[in-house]
Amino acid sequence: MDHQDFKPVVLYKNKPKPQINNLPKNGNVNKENDGLVEVPKSFTKEFGKKLAGFRTSSNMTRKDLALKLNVKESIIGDIENGKQLYDGNLVHKLKRIYPQL
């Protein structure tokens, strides 16, 4: 293969990625025991009550709203009960439907 003018390509499996830093991307940290512990944010129950009020005033079921937002019906229920973790994309979709939220 001396007549070829290119070098062979070697592929490696499971090459470890270099870690830049160990801080979470959203910046929500809580110092506890000299280590960083991420504190997840979730939707508040007040936000869920507002959403349920707007949803029922527009005569929509959880299923109708879930279809409109392209999410599962259980996610709408979890938001209304304050159990769903915060998702900025989902808030943006909700504000397009209900700008007064």
Protein backbone atom coordinates (compact mmCIF):
# COMPACT_ATOMS: atom_id res chain seq x y z
CA MET A 1 0.00 0.00 0.00
CA ASP A 2 2.91 2.31 -0.59
CA HIS A 3 1.17 3.92 -3.53
CA GLN A 4 -1.62 5.44 -1.37
CA ASP A 5 -1.17 9.02 -0.18
CA PHE A 6 -3.47 8.94 2.87
CA LYS A 7 -3.08 7.67 6.40
CA PRO A 8 -5.31 4.91 7.77
CA VAL A 9 -8.08 5.97 10.13
CA VAL A 10 -8.19 4.24 13.51
CA LEU A 11 -11.46 4.29 15.49
CA TYR A 12 -11.51 3.79 19.26
CA LYS A 13 -14.42 2.48 21.28
CA ASN A 14 -15.53 4.07 24.56
CA LYS A 15 -12.96 6.83 24.58
CA PRO A 16 -13.52 8.80 27.81
CA LYS A 17 -14.61 12.40 27.37
CA PRO A 18 -12.57 15.03 29.17
CA GLN A 19 -14.45 16.69 32.03
CA ILE A 20 -14.34 20.48 32.01
CA ASN A 21 -15.92 20.98 35.42
CA ASN A 22 -18.34 19.21 37.69
CA LEU A 23 -20.78 22.10 38.21
CA PRO A 24 -24.37 21.58 37.09
CA LYS A 25 -25.40 23.51 33.98
CA ASN A 26 -28.36 25.26 35.57
CA GLY A 27 -26.28 26.69 38.44
CA ASN A 28 -28.59 25.43 41.20
CA VAL A 29 -26.18 24.13 43.80
CA ASN A 30 -26.37 23.73 47.53
CA LYS A 31 -23.15 23.39 49.52
CA GLU A 32 -23.54 20.54 51.90
CA ASN A 33 -20.77 18.54 53.57
CA ASP A 34 -18.10 20.39 51.55
CA GLY A 35 -19.53 19.01 48.31
CA LEU A 36 -21.87 20.31 45.66
CA VAL A 37 -25.38 18.88 45.65
CA GLU A 38 -27.79 19.86 42.91
CA VAL A 39 -31.14 21.16 44.13
CA PRO A 40 -33.81 20.38 41.50
CA LYS A 41 -36.51 22.96 40.89
CA SER A 42 -40.09 21.90 40.43
CA PHE A 43 -43.34 23.59 39.51
CA THR A 44 -45.09 25.10 42.52
CA LYS A 45 -48.58 24.14 43.58
CA GLU A 46 -49.67 27.77 43.04
CA PHE A 47 -48.56 27.54 39.40
CA GLY A 48 -50.45 24.25 39.08
CA LYS A 49 -53.61 25.78 40.51
CA LYS A 50 -53.37 28.70 38.08
CA LEU A 51 -52.87 26.29 35.18
CA ALA A 52 -55.83 24.15 36.29
CA GLY A 53 -57.99 27.27 36.58
CA PHE A 54 -57.10 28.51 33.09
CA ARG A 55 -57.52 25.02 31.66
CA THR A 56 -60.98 24.51 33.14
CA SER A 57 -62.11 28.03 32.25
CA SER A 58 -61.32 27.29 28.61
CA ASN A 59 -63.25 23.97 28.85
CA MET A 60 -60.20 21.81 28.20
CA THR A 61 -59.42 18.47 29.78
CA ARG A 62 -55.91 17.43 30.78
CA LYS A 63 -55.86 15.20 27.72
CA ASP A 64 -56.80 18.09 25.39
CA LEU A 65 -54.04 20.30 26.83
CA ALA A 66 -51.52 17.46 26.65
CA LEU A 67 -52.33 16.89 22.97
CA LYS A 68 -51.96 20.61 22.28
CA LEU A 69 -48.56 20.71 24.04
CA ASN A 70 -47.43 17.36 22.62
CA VAL A 71 -46.74 15.87 26.07
CA LYS A 72 -48.22 13.03 28.13
CA GLU A 73 -51.42 13.59 30.07
CA SER A 74 -49.66 12.54 33.28
CA ILE A 75 -47.23 15.45 32.93
CA ILE A 76 -50.11 17.93 33.01
CA GLY A 77 -51.45 16.24 36.14
CA ASP A 78 -48.01 16.33 37.78
CA ILE A 79 -47.64 20.04 37.01
CA GLU A 80 -51.04 20.77 38.54
CA ASN A 81 -50.09 18.79 41.65
CA GLY A 82 -46.63 20.37 41.96
CA LYS A 83 -44.73 17.13 41.34
CA GLN A 84 -43.23 17.80 37.90
CA LEU A 85 -39.66 19.10 37.67
CA TYR A 86 -39.27 22.52 36.08
CA ASP A 87 -38.88 22.52 32.31
CA GLY A 88 -38.34 25.83 30.53
CA ASN A 89 -39.50 24.50 27.16
CA LEU A 90 -42.77 23.36 28.68
CA VAL A 91 -43.31 26.76 30.33
CA HIS A 92 -42.74 28.43 26.96
CA LYS A 93 -45.36 26.18 25.34
CA LEU A 94 -47.83 26.88 28.16
CA LYS A 95 -47.31 30.65 27.88
CA ARG A 96 -48.11 30.51 24.17
CA ILE A 97 -51.49 28.98 24.99
CA TYR A 98 -52.12 30.92 28.21
CA PRO A 99 -50.15 34.23 28.05
CA GLN A 100 -51.55 35.37 31.43
CA LEU A 101 -49.71 32.53 33.30
